[in-house]
Amino acid sequence: MATKSETIQAVADRAGVSKKDAENILGAFFDHTAERIKKGEKIAWPGFGSFSMSERGPRTGRNPQTGEAIKIKKSRSIKLSTSAPMKQWLLGKAGKR
């Protein structure tokens, strides 16, 4: 797994900007994305994928230690749906990104 510091360095190197600028830009991107998703909007980046809110309803689960049935509350999280070109690239069926 790449650390935050490694990611910032890689972005700075590829974009030809300082590490501080890269950190500010990435922070602004994530803040903007989280704010829009919280409002129920979808954020799309063509060729990469789209971010959206995923909601799970309440359900019954099992305690893995005891096997006892437990109630799991509804939850929300951010979901990334990869684009078709990204899926092809990940599977090695497309050119270099």
C-alpha atoms as a PDB file:
ATOM      1  CA  MET A   1       0.000   0.000   0.000  1.00  0.00           C
ATOM      2  CA  ALA A   2       1.315   3.445  -0.875  1.00  0.00           C
ATOM      3  CA  THR A   3       1.463   5.895   2.015  1.00  0.00           C
ATOM      4  CA  LYS A   4       0.076   9.421   1.858  1.00  0.00           C
ATOM      5  CA  SER A   5       3.636  10.766   1.672  1.00  0.00           C
ATOM      6  CA  GLU A   6       4.562   8.429  -1.200  1.00  0.00           C
ATOM      7  CA  THR A   7       1.409   9.386  -3.101  1.00  0.00           C
ATOM      8  CA  ILE A   8       2.067  13.112  -2.635  1.00  0.00           C
ATOM      9  CA  GLN A   9       5.669  12.657  -3.836  1.00  0.00           C
ATOM     10  CA  ALA A  10       4.552  10.681  -6.910  1.00  0.00           C
ATOM     11  CA  VAL A  11       1.931  13.293  -7.847  1.00  0.00           C
ATOM     12  CA  ALA A  12       4.410  16.131  -7.321  1.00  0.00           C
ATOM     13  CA  ASP A  13       6.993  14.402  -9.525  1.00  0.00           C
ATOM     14  CA  ARG A  14       4.511  13.596 -12.316  1.00  0.00           C
ATOM     15  CA  ALA A  15       2.909  17.051 -12.293  1.00  0.00           C
ATOM     16  CA  GLY A  16       6.184  18.951 -11.916  1.00  0.00           C
ATOM     17  CA  VAL A  17       5.003  20.806  -8.801  1.00  0.00           C
ATOM     18  CA  SER A  18       6.226  21.034  -5.224  1.00  0.00           C
ATOM     19  CA  LYS A  19       5.187  18.444  -2.653  1.00  0.00           C
ATOM     20  CA  LYS A  20       3.274  21.165  -0.778  1.00  0.00           C
ATOM     21  CA  ASP A  21       1.333  22.122  -3.931  1.00  0.00           C
ATOM     22  CA  ALA A  22       0.584  18.464  -4.664  1.00  0.00           C
ATOM     23  CA  GLU A  23      -0.675  17.950  -1.102  1.00  0.00           C
ATOM     24  CA  ASN A  24      -2.910  21.037  -1.350  1.00  0.00           C
ATOM     25  CA  ILE A  25      -4.306  19.941  -4.714  1.00  0.00           C
ATOM     26  CA  LEU A  26      -4.999  16.376  -3.558  1.00  0.00           C
ATOM     27  CA  GLY A  27      -6.587  17.682  -0.352  1.00  0.00           C
ATOM     28  CA  ALA A  28      -8.834  20.028  -2.330  1.00  0.00           C
ATOM     29  CA  PHE A  29      -9.833  17.176  -4.656  1.00  0.00           C
ATOM     30  CA  PHE A  30     -10.778  14.856  -1.797  1.00  0.00           C
ATOM     31  CA  ASP A  31     -12.615  17.633   0.090  1.00  0.00           C
ATOM     32  CA  HIS A  32     -14.604  18.575  -3.025  1.00  0.00           C
ATOM     33  CA  THR A  33     -15.386  14.944  -3.840  1.00  0.00           C
ATOM     34  CA  ALA A  34     -16.553  14.144  -0.291  1.00  0.00           C
ATOM     35  CA  GLU A  35     -18.740  17.273  -0.118  1.00  0.00           C
ATOM     36  CA  ARG A  36     -20.467  16.519  -3.443  1.00  0.00           C
ATOM     37  CA  ILE A  37     -20.996  12.842  -2.621  1.00  0.00           C
ATOM     38  CA  LYS A  38     -22.462  13.761   0.769  1.00  0.00           C
ATOM     39  CA  LYS A  39     -25.029  15.871  -1.130  1.00  0.00           C
ATOM     40  CA  GLY A  40     -25.971  12.766  -3.133  1.00  0.00           C
ATOM     41  CA  GLU A  41     -24.095  13.738  -6.294  1.00  0.00           C
ATOM     42  CA  LYS A  42     -21.889  11.489  -8.382  1.00  0.00           C
ATOM     43  CA  ILE A  43     -18.347  12.559  -9.324  1.00  0.00           C
ATOM     44  CA  ALA A  44     -17.130  11.149 -12.642  1.00  0.00           C
ATOM     45  CA  TRP A  45     -13.590  11.127 -14.010  1.00  0.00           C
ATOM     46  CA  PRO A  46     -13.744   9.787 -17.585  1.00  0.00           C
ATOM     47  CA  GLY A  47     -11.253   7.007 -18.196  1.00  0.00           C
ATOM     48  CA  PHE A  48     -10.902   6.317 -14.467  1.00  0.00           C
ATOM     49  CA  GLY A  49     -14.313   5.871 -12.880  1.00  0.00           C
ATOM     50  CA  SER A  50     -16.946   7.546 -10.753  1.00  0.00           C
ATOM     51  CA  PHE A  51     -17.392   8.099  -7.051  1.00  0.00           C
ATOM     52  CA  SER A  52     -20.847   7.865  -5.487  1.00  0.00           C
ATOM     53  CA  MET A  53     -22.635   7.121  -2.234  1.00  0.00           C
ATOM     54  CA  SER A  54     -23.389   3.508  -1.463  1.00  0.00           C
ATOM     55  CA  GLU A  55     -26.135   2.740   1.042  1.00  0.00           C
ATOM     56  CA  ARG A  56     -26.754  -0.554   2.798  1.00  0.00           C
ATOM     57  CA  GLY A  57     -30.008  -1.224   4.554  1.00  0.00           C
ATOM     58  CA  PRO A  58     -30.227  -2.736   8.024  1.00  0.00           C
ATOM     59  CA  ARG A  59     -29.642  -6.479   8.081  1.00  0.00           C
ATOM     60  CA  THR A  60     -29.033  -9.454  10.308  1.00  0.00           C
ATOM     61  CA  GLY A  61     -25.496 -10.732  10.667  1.00  0.00           C
ATOM     62  CA  ARG A  62     -23.661 -13.268  12.794  1.00  0.00           C
ATOM     63  CA  ASN A  63     -21.135 -12.772  15.569  1.00  0.00           C
ATOM     64  CA  PRO A  64     -18.158 -14.769  14.224  1.00  0.00           C
ATOM     65  CA  GLN A  65     -17.075 -15.838  17.724  1.00  0.00           C
ATOM     66  CA  THR A  66     -20.437 -17.039  19.026  1.00  0.00           C
ATOM     67  CA  GLY A  67     -22.545 -17.509  15.903  1.00  0.00           C
ATOM     68  CA  GLU A  68     -25.248 -15.415  17.591  1.00  0.00           C
ATOM     69  CA  ALA A  69     -27.512 -13.377  15.295  1.00  0.00           C
ATOM     70  CA  ILE A  70     -26.934  -9.631  15.565  1.00  0.00           C
ATOM     71  CA  LYS A  71     -28.666  -6.619  14.048  1.00  0.00           C
ATOM     72  CA  ILE A  72     -26.472  -4.470  11.809  1.00  0.00           C
ATOM     73  CA  LYS A  73     -27.603  -0.858  11.357  1.00  0.00           C
ATOM     74  CA  LYS A  74     -27.925   0.781   7.957  1.00  0.00           C
ATOM     75  CA  SER A  75     -24.711   2.354   6.704  1.00  0.00           C
ATOM     76  CA  ARG A  76     -23.336   4.617   4.005  1.00  0.00           C
ATOM     77  CA  SER A  77     -19.938   4.695   2.332  1.00  0.00           C
ATOM     78  CA  ILE A  78     -18.178   6.027  -0.743  1.00  0.00           C
ATOM     79  CA  LYS A  79     -18.072   3.680  -3.721  1.00  0.00           C
ATOM     80  CA  LEU A  80     -15.726   3.775  -6.725  1.00  0.00           C
ATOM     81  CA  SER A  81     -17.053   2.294  -9.942  1.00  0.00           C
ATOM     82  CA  THR A  82     -14.220   1.867 -12.419  1.00  0.00           C
ATOM     83  CA  SER A  83     -14.716   2.881 -16.042  1.00  0.00           C
ATOM     84  CA  ALA A  84     -14.564   0.370 -18.883  1.00  0.00           C
ATOM     85  CA  PRO A  85     -11.172   1.668 -20.142  1.00  0.00           C
ATOM     86  CA  MET A  86      -9.717   1.414 -16.626  1.00  0.00           C
ATOM     87  CA  LYS A  87     -11.031  -2.145 -16.242  1.00  0.00           C
ATOM     88  CA  GLN A  88      -9.434  -3.079 -19.570  1.00  0.00           C
ATOM     89  CA  TRP A  89      -6.132  -1.506 -18.521  1.00  0.00           C
ATOM     90  CA  LEU A  90      -6.190  -3.289 -15.145  1.00  0.00           C
ATOM     91  CA  LEU A  91      -6.770  -6.613 -16.889  1.00  0.00           C
ATOM     92  CA  GLY A  92      -3.840  -5.962 -19.224  1.00  0.00           C
ATOM     93  CA  LYS A  93      -6.024  -5.681 -22.309  1.00  0.00           C
ATOM     94  CA  ALA A  94      -5.289  -2.036 -23.092  1.00  0.00           C
ATOM     95  CA  GLY A  95      -2.269   0.169 -23.641  1.00  0.00           C
ATOM     96  CA  LYS A  96      -0.228   1.983 -21.008  1.00  0.00           C
ATOM     97  CA  ARG A  97      -2.054   4.668 -19.036  1.00  0.00           C
END
